[in-house]
Amino acid sequence: MRQINHGSDDNLLLEGHLYNIGTSDGVQWNRITFQGYKFINGKQIMVFITEENFQLTINPSFHTFTLESGNYDEFGIQIEETEVLDGKVNTRRS
């Protein structure tokens, strides 16, 4: 479970979790995995990985919204979804 801190870093994004992210220019990325932060020229930058394994970095100054994507239990562990198609069981992370 996420704890809310009082200060400049509220840890709103959890590493390894899926998010949909929007920026101030209207661009949106769906189902990207948060990897953490990097510092570029002394500025903290958010780092994500796309489903195609491309790295995406976003300057928090242009970050507009974050929407959690996927299903997680109360401990923050991603829940896998299973479906049966043509007699085959397919498992995917939500």
Protein backbone atom coordinates (compact mmCIF):
# COMPACT_ATOMS: atom_id res chain seq x y z
CA MET A 1 0.00 0.00 0.00
CA ARG A 2 1.26 3.46 -0.89
CA GLN A 3 2.01 5.86 1.97
CA ILE A 4 1.49 9.58 1.51
CA ASN A 5 4.49 11.66 2.56
CA HIS A 6 4.37 15.33 3.33
CA GLY A 7 7.09 17.05 1.37
CA SER A 8 8.40 17.46 -2.14
CA ASP A 9 8.43 13.74 -3.03
CA ASP A 10 5.05 12.09 -2.47
CA ASN A 11 6.04 8.83 -4.22
CA LEU A 12 2.93 8.98 -6.36
CA LEU A 13 4.36 6.51 -8.88
CA LEU A 14 5.42 3.02 -7.85
CA GLU A 15 8.27 1.28 -9.66
CA GLY A 16 7.16 -1.62 -11.83
CA HIS A 17 3.53 -0.48 -12.03
CA LEU A 18 1.68 0.29 -15.25
CA TYR A 19 0.39 3.81 -15.91
CA ASN A 20 -1.26 5.92 -18.59
CA ILE A 21 0.56 9.27 -18.70
CA GLY A 22 -0.44 12.56 -20.30
CA THR A 23 1.68 15.65 -20.94
CA SER A 24 0.80 19.32 -21.28
CA ASP A 25 1.02 19.21 -25.10
CA GLY A 26 -1.85 16.69 -25.27
CA VAL A 27 0.24 13.55 -25.90
CA GLN A 28 -0.76 10.40 -24.02
CA TRP A 29 1.11 7.13 -23.51
CA ASN A 30 -0.85 4.06 -22.41
CA ARG A 31 0.29 1.05 -20.40
CA ILE A 32 3.85 2.14 -19.72
CA THR A 33 5.83 0.80 -16.78
CA PHE A 34 7.39 3.24 -14.31
CA GLN A 35 11.09 2.48 -13.80
CA GLY A 36 12.11 5.30 -11.45
CA TYR A 37 13.89 8.62 -11.75
CA LYS A 38 17.09 9.84 -13.40
CA PHE A 39 18.82 13.16 -13.12
CA ILE A 40 19.59 15.04 -16.33
CA ASN A 41 21.40 18.36 -15.96
CA GLY A 42 20.45 18.41 -12.28
CA LYS A 43 16.71 17.98 -12.98
CA GLN A 44 14.78 14.92 -11.86
CA ILE A 45 13.21 13.10 -14.85
CA MET A 46 10.62 10.30 -14.72
CA VAL A 47 11.64 7.13 -16.59
CA PHE A 48 9.17 4.66 -18.14
CA ILE A 49 9.43 1.58 -20.39
CA THR A 50 6.87 1.03 -23.16
CA GLU A 51 5.39 -2.38 -24.04
CA GLU A 52 7.79 -2.40 -27.02
CA ASN A 53 10.74 -2.00 -24.56
CA PHE A 54 11.53 1.59 -25.51
CA GLN A 55 12.63 3.96 -22.75
CA LEU A 56 10.46 7.07 -22.30
CA THR A 57 11.62 9.96 -20.13
CA ILE A 58 9.27 12.74 -19.08
CA ASN A 59 10.15 16.06 -17.53
CA PRO A 60 7.81 16.47 -14.52
CA SER A 61 7.24 20.11 -15.53
CA PHE A 62 5.27 18.89 -18.58
CA HIS A 63 3.50 16.01 -16.78
CA THR A 64 -0.26 16.64 -16.75
CA PHE A 65 -1.94 13.47 -15.49
CA THR A 66 -1.27 9.91 -14.36
CA LEU A 67 -3.80 7.10 -14.45
CA GLU A 68 -2.94 3.72 -12.97
CA SER A 69 -3.29 0.89 -15.47
CA GLY A 70 -3.61 -2.76 -14.59
CA ASN A 71 -4.93 -4.60 -11.58
CA TYR A 72 -2.94 -4.72 -8.34
CA ASP A 73 -3.69 -6.32 -5.00
CA GLU A 74 -3.45 -4.52 -1.65
CA PHE A 75 0.27 -5.27 -1.51
CA GLY A 76 0.99 -3.70 -4.89
CA ILE A 77 1.52 -7.01 -6.70
CA GLN A 78 0.16 -7.13 -10.23
CA ILE A 79 -2.71 -9.58 -10.69
CA GLU A 80 -2.53 -11.81 -13.74
CA GLU A 81 -5.61 -12.31 -15.87
CA THR A 82 -6.33 -15.62 -17.55
CA GLU A 83 -8.63 -16.34 -20.46
CA VAL A 84 -9.43 -19.46 -22.43
CA LEU A 85 -9.42 -19.17 -26.23
CA ASP A 86 -9.80 -22.20 -28.48
CA GLY A 87 -9.06 -24.52 -25.56
CA LYS A 88 -5.77 -22.74 -24.72
CA VAL A 89 -5.22 -20.87 -21.44
CA ASN A 90 -3.63 -17.47 -22.03
CA THR A 91 -2.16 -15.62 -19.05
CA ARG A 92 -1.30 -11.96 -19.23
CA ARG A 93 -0.49 -9.29 -16.75
CA SER A 94 -3.30 -6.78 -16.60
